[in-house]
Amino acid sequence: MRIDVHAHLWTAQYLDRLERLGKTDTATQRGIGADVTGADLEHRFALMERAGIDLQVLSVAPQCPHVEKESEAADLARAANDSYAEVVGRHPDRFLAFAAVPLPHVDAALEETARALDRLGAVGVGVTTTVLGRTLADPLLWPLYEELDRRGAVLYVHPSGEGAASPLITRHGMTWMVGAPVEDTVAMMHLVLAGIPARYPRMRVLASHLGGALPLLPRRLDDHLAFESPATPELPSVALGRLWYDTVSHVHPPALAAAAATFGADRLVLGTDYPYEDGERFVQAVEYVGRSGLAPREAAEILDGNAARLLNLTGPESGAGSP
C-alpha cells in the first residue's frame, strides 16, 4: 500500500479561527489547493492517481492549535480533528489523519488524543518542532509521550516555521528553505539528548524532511557527546536509529541515499509535502525514490511497505521502537 505521510489540508474556517486568535501567517496556507472544496480535492485525487498513492495522512502543521489559552487551544483542536474525521469519513479510501492536540495544555491534549484515536480514527498525533517556545523535550510534554508509548502510536513532528528562532535565518529570507530543516535537526536532537526515544521506545517518532541534517551527523554527534552532553543516556547514532523519517527532500536523490545509508531504508517512509509540492513536482516526489541509487527492494519498502508498518496498518510490528 502506497501511503504519503506528509500531506496538508486546512479548512478556511480553521484558518479564520487562528487569525482571530492573532496568527498572522495563515496566508501561506490559503489558495494553494489545500482546502476540502470539490476542485481542490479533485485535483489532489488526480495527482494521487498519477503517482500511485493510495492514502495520504493529513496534518494541520505548521498551523497547530498551540495557543496560550487552554479553552481556545482545545476548541481549535476539536474543530481540526472533527473536520478531518468528516473528510476521512467521506473518503476513507483516500485519507487518514494525524490528530491535532492543544499543547502545551497536556491534560487537554491527553483528552483530545484519546478522543481522536479512539473515536475519530486518527492514526497518530501531529505537533510542531517547538510549542510556544518550549522544546519537545520539555518534561511538561512527557505525559503525552507516555500515552503514545502505551498505545504504540505515532508522534509526527513538523517544522513550526519560526526559523529555529534565529534572526540570522528569519531576517534573511531563509525561514523555510534553511530554517525548516534546521528545526527538524534541532527538535530531534532535543529528544535524543533528553533520552526520549529510549524512555518511550514504543512511541514512533516520525521526523519530517529526512530529519534535516541528521543523515550527515551521527558520527560527529557520537564523538562530541562525552565533552558536550555527557548526561545523554545513549549514543545519538543509536537513538536516531529508533526514529522514522519521511522522504521529503524536494527531489534530491543524494539526500535520500544518505538517509538510507545512515538510518536504514526500513526507517524511511514516503512523504510529498502536498500541496507545496504540486503538479509534476508531486509526481517526482514519489518517482525519485526509485532513481536514488537504492536497491530495488529498498525503494519498494520505502514506497509501499514501511508506512503501513509505522502506522500499524499491517498488525503489530515486531520489535516496535527498537533501533
Protein backbone atom coordinates (compact mmCIF):
# COMPACT_ATOMS: atom_id res chain seq x y z
CA MET A 1 0.00 0.00 0.00
CA ARG A 2 1.45 3.37 -1.02
CA ILE A 3 0.94 5.91 1.77
CA ASP A 4 2.01 9.56 1.73
CA VAL A 5 2.65 10.52 5.37
CA HIS A 6 3.42 14.21 4.76
CA ALA A 7 0.38 15.95 3.31
CA HIS A 8 -1.50 19.04 4.45
CA LEU A 9 -5.15 20.10 4.50
CA TRP A 10 -6.76 23.07 6.21
CA THR A 11 -10.31 24.34 6.13
CA ALA A 12 -10.82 28.06 5.65
CA GLN A 13 -12.86 28.11 8.85
CA TYR A 14 -9.95 26.69 10.88
CA LEU A 15 -7.52 29.24 9.46
CA ASP A 16 -10.03 32.03 10.13
CA ARG A 17 -10.21 30.99 13.78
CA LEU A 18 -6.44 31.04 14.07
CA GLU A 19 -6.37 34.55 12.62
CA ARG A 20 -8.93 35.74 15.14
CA LEU A 21 -6.61 34.46 17.85
CA GLY A 22 -3.75 36.52 16.49
CA LYS A 23 -1.99 34.26 13.99
CA THR A 24 -0.56 36.38 11.20
CA ASP A 25 0.89 33.80 8.80
CA THR A 26 -2.13 31.83 7.57
CA ALA A 27 -1.85 33.35 4.10
CA THR A 28 0.76 30.72 3.29
CA GLN A 29 -1.91 28.04 3.65
CA ARG A 30 -4.66 29.74 1.67
CA GLY A 31 -5.36 29.42 -2.04
CA ILE A 32 -2.82 26.67 -2.61
CA GLY A 33 -5.15 23.72 -3.18
CA ALA A 34 -5.20 22.52 0.42
CA ASP A 35 -8.89 23.01 1.22
CA VAL A 36 -11.75 20.49 1.26
CA THR A 37 -13.56 22.12 -1.65
CA GLY A 38 -14.52 19.98 -4.61
CA ALA A 39 -11.98 21.45 -7.00
CA ASP A 40 -9.11 21.14 -4.53
CA LEU A 41 -9.95 17.54 -3.73
CA GLU A 42 -10.42 16.57 -7.36
CA HIS A 43 -7.00 17.98 -8.22
CA ARG A 44 -5.42 16.20 -5.26
CA PHE A 45 -7.02 12.87 -6.14
CA ALA A 46 -5.92 13.15 -9.77
CA LEU A 47 -2.31 13.66 -8.68
CA MET A 48 -2.51 10.78 -6.24
CA GLU A 49 -3.71 8.56 -9.07
CA ARG A 50 -0.80 9.66 -11.28
CA ALA A 51 1.71 8.94 -8.52
CA GLY A 52 0.11 5.66 -7.50
CA ILE A 53 -0.62 6.89 -3.97
CA ASP A 54 -3.39 5.04 -2.19
CA LEU A 55 -3.65 7.10 1.01
CA GLN A 56 -2.49 10.43 2.37
CA VAL A 57 -2.10 11.09 6.09
CA LEU A 58 -3.34 14.64 6.69
CA SER A 59 -1.94 17.07 9.24
CA VAL A 60 -2.59 20.71 10.12
CA ALA A 61 1.06 21.55 10.88
CA PRO A 62 2.54 24.09 10.93
CA GLN A 63 -0.81 25.64 11.92
CA CYS A 64 -1.25 23.52 15.02
CA PRO A 65 -3.60 24.56 17.86
CA HIS A 66 -0.72 25.52 20.12
CA VAL A 67 -2.02 28.66 21.80
CA GLU A 68 -1.70 30.09 25.31
CA LYS A 69 -5.32 29.89 26.46
CA GLU A 70 -6.34 26.31 27.16
CA SER A 71 -10.00 26.65 26.20
CA GLU A 72 -9.11 28.23 22.86
CA ALA A 73 -6.48 25.59 22.13
CA ALA A 74 -8.89 22.78 23.00
CA ASP A 75 -11.67 24.23 20.83
CA LEU A 76 -9.27 24.61 17.90
CA ALA A 77 -8.01 21.06 18.23
CA ARG A 78 -11.53 19.66 18.35
CA ALA A 79 -12.51 21.69 15.29
CA ALA A 80 -9.47 20.50 13.35
CA ASN A 81 -9.99 16.86 14.27
CA ASP A 82 -13.72 16.98 13.59
CA SER A 83 -13.06 18.40 10.12
CA TYR A 84 -10.53 15.66 9.46
CA ALA A 85 -12.92 12.96 10.69
CA GLU A 86 -15.54 14.34 8.32
CA VAL A 87 -13.28 14.33 5.24
CA VAL A 88 -11.79 10.94 6.12
CA GLY A 89 -15.31 9.61 6.59
CA ARG A 90 -16.26 10.82 3.12
CA HIS A 91 -13.06 9.47 1.56
CA PRO A 92 -11.84 6.54 3.69
CA ASP A 93 -10.04 5.05 0.70
CA ARG A 94 -8.00 8.26 0.27
CA PHE A 95 -7.25 9.76 3.67
CA LEU A 96 -6.02 9.10 7.18
CA ALA A 97 -5.13 11.79 9.70
CA PHE A 98 -2.71 12.76 12.44
CA ALA A 99 -4.65 14.38 15.27
CA ALA A 100 -4.12 17.99 16.29
CA VAL A 101 -3.62 18.42 20.04
CA PRO A 102 -4.00 21.54 22.22
CA LEU A 103 -0.48 21.91 23.55
CA PRO A 104 1.09 23.00 25.83
CA HIS A 105 -2.00 22.06 27.86
CA VAL A 106 -1.10 18.44 28.44
CA ASP A 107 -4.29 17.33 30.23
CA ALA A 108 -6.42 18.72 27.41
CA ALA A 109 -4.01 17.16 24.91
CA LEU A 110 -4.39 13.76 26.54
CA GLU A 111 -8.16 14.08 26.43
CA GLU A 112 -8.15 15.08 22.76
CA THR A 113 -5.64 12.36 21.89
CA ALA A 114 -7.97 9.73 23.35
CA ARG A 115 -10.98 11.18 21.53
CA ALA A 116 -9.18 11.42 18.20
CA LEU A 117 -7.55 8.00 18.30
CA ASP A 118 -10.40 6.05 19.90
CA ARG A 119 -13.45 7.73 18.37
CA LEU A 120 -12.33 9.61 15.25
CA GLY A 121 -9.90 7.09 13.81
CA ALA A 122 -6.73 9.21 13.84
CA VAL A 123 -3.53 7.22 13.32
CA GLY A 124 -1.26 9.36 15.49
CA VAL A 125 -0.64 12.86 16.79
CA GLY A 126 0.98 15.75 14.92
CA VAL A 127 2.97 18.55 16.57
CA THR A 128 5.45 21.22 15.56
CA THR A 129 9.16 21.26 16.38
CA THR A 130 8.56 23.71 19.23
CA VAL A 131 5.46 24.52 21.26
CA LEU A 132 5.22 28.21 22.15
CA GLY A 133 8.96 28.38 22.64
CA ARG A 134 9.23 25.09 24.51
CA THR A 135 11.33 22.26 23.15
CA LEU A 136 9.75 18.88 22.55
CA ALA A 137 11.99 17.57 25.33
CA ASP A 138 10.20 19.72 27.93
CA PRO A 139 9.07 17.41 30.78
CA LEU A 140 5.68 19.11 30.57
CA LEU A 141 5.03 17.02 27.45
CA TRP A 142 6.17 13.70 28.84
CA PRO A 143 2.69 12.53 29.91
CA LEU A 144 1.64 12.79 26.26
CA TYR A 145 4.64 10.71 25.24
CA GLU A 146 3.81 8.16 27.93
CA GLU A 147 0.33 7.79 26.50
CA LEU A 148 1.57 7.48 22.92
CA ASP A 149 4.12 4.94 24.11
CA ARG A 150 1.37 2.94 25.84
CA ARG A 151 -0.56 2.89 22.59
CA GLY A 152 2.44 2.29 20.32
CA ALA A 153 1.27 5.39 18.43
CA VAL A 154 2.96 7.90 16.12
CA LEU A 155 4.23 11.33 17.09
CA TYR A 156 4.64 13.21 13.82
CA VAL A 157 6.92 16.27 14.06
CA HIS A 158 6.79 19.10 11.50
CA PRO A 159 8.68 22.42 11.49
CA SER A 160 6.90 25.33 13.12
CA GLY A 161 8.10 27.89 10.57
CA GLU A 162 9.95 30.11 13.02
CA GLY A 163 13.40 29.69 11.51
CA ALA A 164 14.64 27.89 14.61
CA ALA A 165 14.08 31.18 16.49
CA SER A 166 17.18 32.63 14.83
CA PRO A 167 17.12 36.14 13.32
CA LEU A 168 20.10 35.06 11.24
CA ILE A 169 17.57 32.87 9.41
CA THR A 170 14.28 34.74 9.64
CA ARG A 171 15.65 38.19 8.79
CA HIS A 172 17.48 36.97 5.73
CA GLY A 173 14.80 35.23 3.68
CA MET A 174 15.57 31.68 4.80
CA THR A 175 12.72 30.82 7.19
CA TRP A 176 11.57 27.79 5.23
CA MET A 177 14.40 26.99 2.82
CA VAL A 178 17.00 26.72 5.60
CA GLY A 179 15.02 27.19 8.80
CA ALA A 180 12.73 24.18 8.34
CA PRO A 181 15.45 21.52 8.09
CA VAL A 182 17.34 23.23 10.91
CA GLU A 183 14.20 22.95 13.04
CA ASP A 184 13.90 19.26 12.15
CA THR A 185 17.50 18.68 13.17
CA VAL A 186 17.32 20.59 16.44
CA ALA A 187 13.97 19.15 17.52
CA MET A 188 15.10 15.56 17.05
CA MET A 189 18.33 16.28 18.92
CA HIS A 190 16.37 17.76 21.82
CA LEU A 191 14.53 14.44 22.04
CA VAL A 192 17.73 12.42 21.71
CA LEU A 193 19.69 14.35 24.35
CA ALA A 194 16.78 14.05 26.77
CA GLY A 195 16.63 10.29 26.19
CA ILE A 196 13.06 10.36 24.91
CA PRO A 197 13.49 7.62 22.25
CA ALA A 198 14.84 5.20 24.87
CA ARG A 199 12.41 6.28 27.61
CA TYR A 200 9.39 5.77 25.33
CA PRO A 201 10.52 3.07 22.88
CA ARG A 202 7.03 2.18 21.61
CA MET A 203 6.19 5.77 20.65
CA ARG A 204 7.01 6.03 16.97
CA VAL A 205 8.59 9.42 16.33
CA LEU A 206 8.32 10.49 12.69
CA ALA A 207 10.58 13.35 11.61
CA SER A 208 9.93 15.48 8.54
CA HIS A 209 12.35 16.10 5.67
CA LEU A 210 14.69 13.15 6.30
CA GLY A 211 15.43 14.64 9.71
CA GLY A 212 17.06 17.75 8.30
CA ALA A 213 20.84 17.48 8.57
CA LEU A 214 20.79 14.36 10.75
CA PRO A 215 21.81 11.90 8.00
CA LEU A 216 25.18 13.68 7.91
CA LEU A 217 25.80 13.97 11.63
CA PRO A 218 25.69 10.72 13.65
CA ARG A 219 29.46 10.18 13.81
CA ARG A 220 30.04 13.81 14.84
CA LEU A 221 27.26 13.60 17.43
CA ASP A 222 28.71 10.46 18.97
CA ASP A 223 32.23 11.89 19.04
CA HIS A 224 31.17 15.13 20.73
CA LEU A 225 28.87 13.56 23.29
CA ALA A 226 31.39 12.96 26.08
CA PHE A 227 32.52 16.56 26.42
CA GLU A 228 29.36 18.41 25.36
CA SER A 229 26.34 16.36 26.52
CA PRO A 230 27.70 13.61 28.77
CA ALA A 231 24.38 13.01 30.53
CA THR A 232 22.79 11.67 27.34
CA PRO A 233 21.61 8.13 28.11
CA GLU A 234 22.61 6.54 24.78
CA LEU A 235 24.69 7.37 21.74
CA PRO A 236 22.86 9.67 19.31
CA SER A 237 23.54 7.21 16.49
CA VAL A 238 21.61 4.58 18.44
CA ALA A 239 18.76 6.92 19.40
CA LEU A 240 18.38 8.23 15.85
CA GLY A 241 18.04 4.66 14.65
CA ARG A 242 14.87 4.37 16.73
CA LEU A 243 13.14 7.14 14.79
CA TRP A 244 11.37 7.28 11.44
CA TYR A 245 11.89 9.83 8.65
CA ASP A 246 9.80 10.96 5.71
CA THR A 247 11.34 11.29 2.26
CA VAL A 248 10.57 14.96 1.59
CA SER A 249 13.85 16.31 0.20
CA HIS A 250 12.50 18.30 -2.73
CA VAL A 251 13.52 15.50 -5.06
CA HIS A 252 17.21 15.38 -4.13
CA PRO A 253 18.44 11.79 -4.56
CA PRO A 254 21.76 12.23 -2.67
CA ALA A 255 19.85 13.29 0.45
CA LEU A 256 17.67 10.20 0.30
CA ALA A 257 20.66 7.95 -0.32
CA ALA A 258 22.45 9.45 2.70
CA ALA A 259 19.42 8.89 4.93
CA ALA A 260 19.06 5.30 3.80
CA ALA A 261 22.77 4.64 4.37
CA THR A 262 22.65 6.27 7.83
CA PHE A 263 19.32 5.09 9.27
CA GLY A 264 18.44 2.15 7.05
CA ALA A 265 15.85 2.16 4.29
CA ASP A 266 13.44 0.42 6.67
CA ARG A 267 13.17 3.68 8.68
CA LEU A 268 12.16 5.84 5.70
CA VAL A 269 8.55 6.46 4.66
CA LEU A 270 7.13 8.23 1.64
CA GLY A 271 6.23 11.91 2.01
CA THR A 272 5.37 14.51 -0.62
CA ASP A 273 4.63 17.77 1.28
CA TYR A 274 1.48 18.29 -0.78
CA PRO A 275 0.32 20.88 -1.78
CA TYR A 276 3.66 22.66 -1.52
CA GLU A 277 4.96 20.05 -3.92
CA ASP A 278 2.26 20.20 -6.60
CA GLY A 279 1.81 19.12 -10.19
CA GLU A 280 4.84 17.46 -11.75
CA ARG A 281 6.90 18.06 -8.60
CA PHE A 282 4.39 15.97 -6.64
CA VAL A 283 4.79 13.07 -9.05
CA GLN A 284 8.57 13.43 -8.93
CA ALA A 285 8.49 13.39 -5.12
CA VAL A 286 7.37 9.77 -5.49
CA GLU A 287 9.29 8.72 -8.57
CA TYR A 288 12.66 9.99 -7.34
CA VAL A 289 12.75 7.27 -4.68
CA GLY A 290 13.35 4.74 -7.42
CA ARG A 291 16.01 6.91 -9.07
CA SER A 292 18.13 7.49 -5.98
CA GLY A 293 20.51 4.59 -6.42
CA LEU A 294 18.84 2.47 -3.76
CA ALA A 295 18.41 -1.24 -4.24
CA PRO A 296 15.02 -2.04 -5.82
CA ARG A 297 13.96 -3.85 -2.66
CA GLU A 298 14.79 -0.81 -0.52
CA ALA A 299 12.91 1.57 -2.85
CA ALA A 300 9.90 -0.75 -2.78
CA GLU A 301 9.93 -0.79 1.04
CA ILE A 302 10.02 2.99 1.20
CA LEU A 303 7.27 3.43 -1.36
CA ASP A 304 4.91 0.61 -0.50
CA GLY A 305 5.76 -1.09 2.77
CA ASN A 306 7.26 0.93 5.59
CA ALA A 307 4.45 3.41 6.21
CA ALA A 308 1.90 0.64 6.76
CA ARG A 309 4.23 -0.81 9.43
CA LEU A 310 4.77 2.59 11.01
CA LEU A 311 1.04 3.24 11.25
CA ASN A 312 0.20 -0.29 12.43
CA LEU A 313 -1.94 -0.93 9.39
CA THR A 314 -0.47 -4.41 8.94
CA GLY A 315 -0.70 -5.53 12.56
CA PRO A 316 1.76 -5.08 15.41
CA GLU A 317 5.34 -4.52 14.36
CA SER A 318 7.84 -7.00 15.67
CA GLY A 319 10.25 -5.18 17.95
CA ALA A 320 8.46 -1.84 17.60
CA GLY A 321 10.57 1.00 18.80
CA SER A 322 13.84 -0.92 18.77
CA PRO A 323 16.88 0.50 16.96
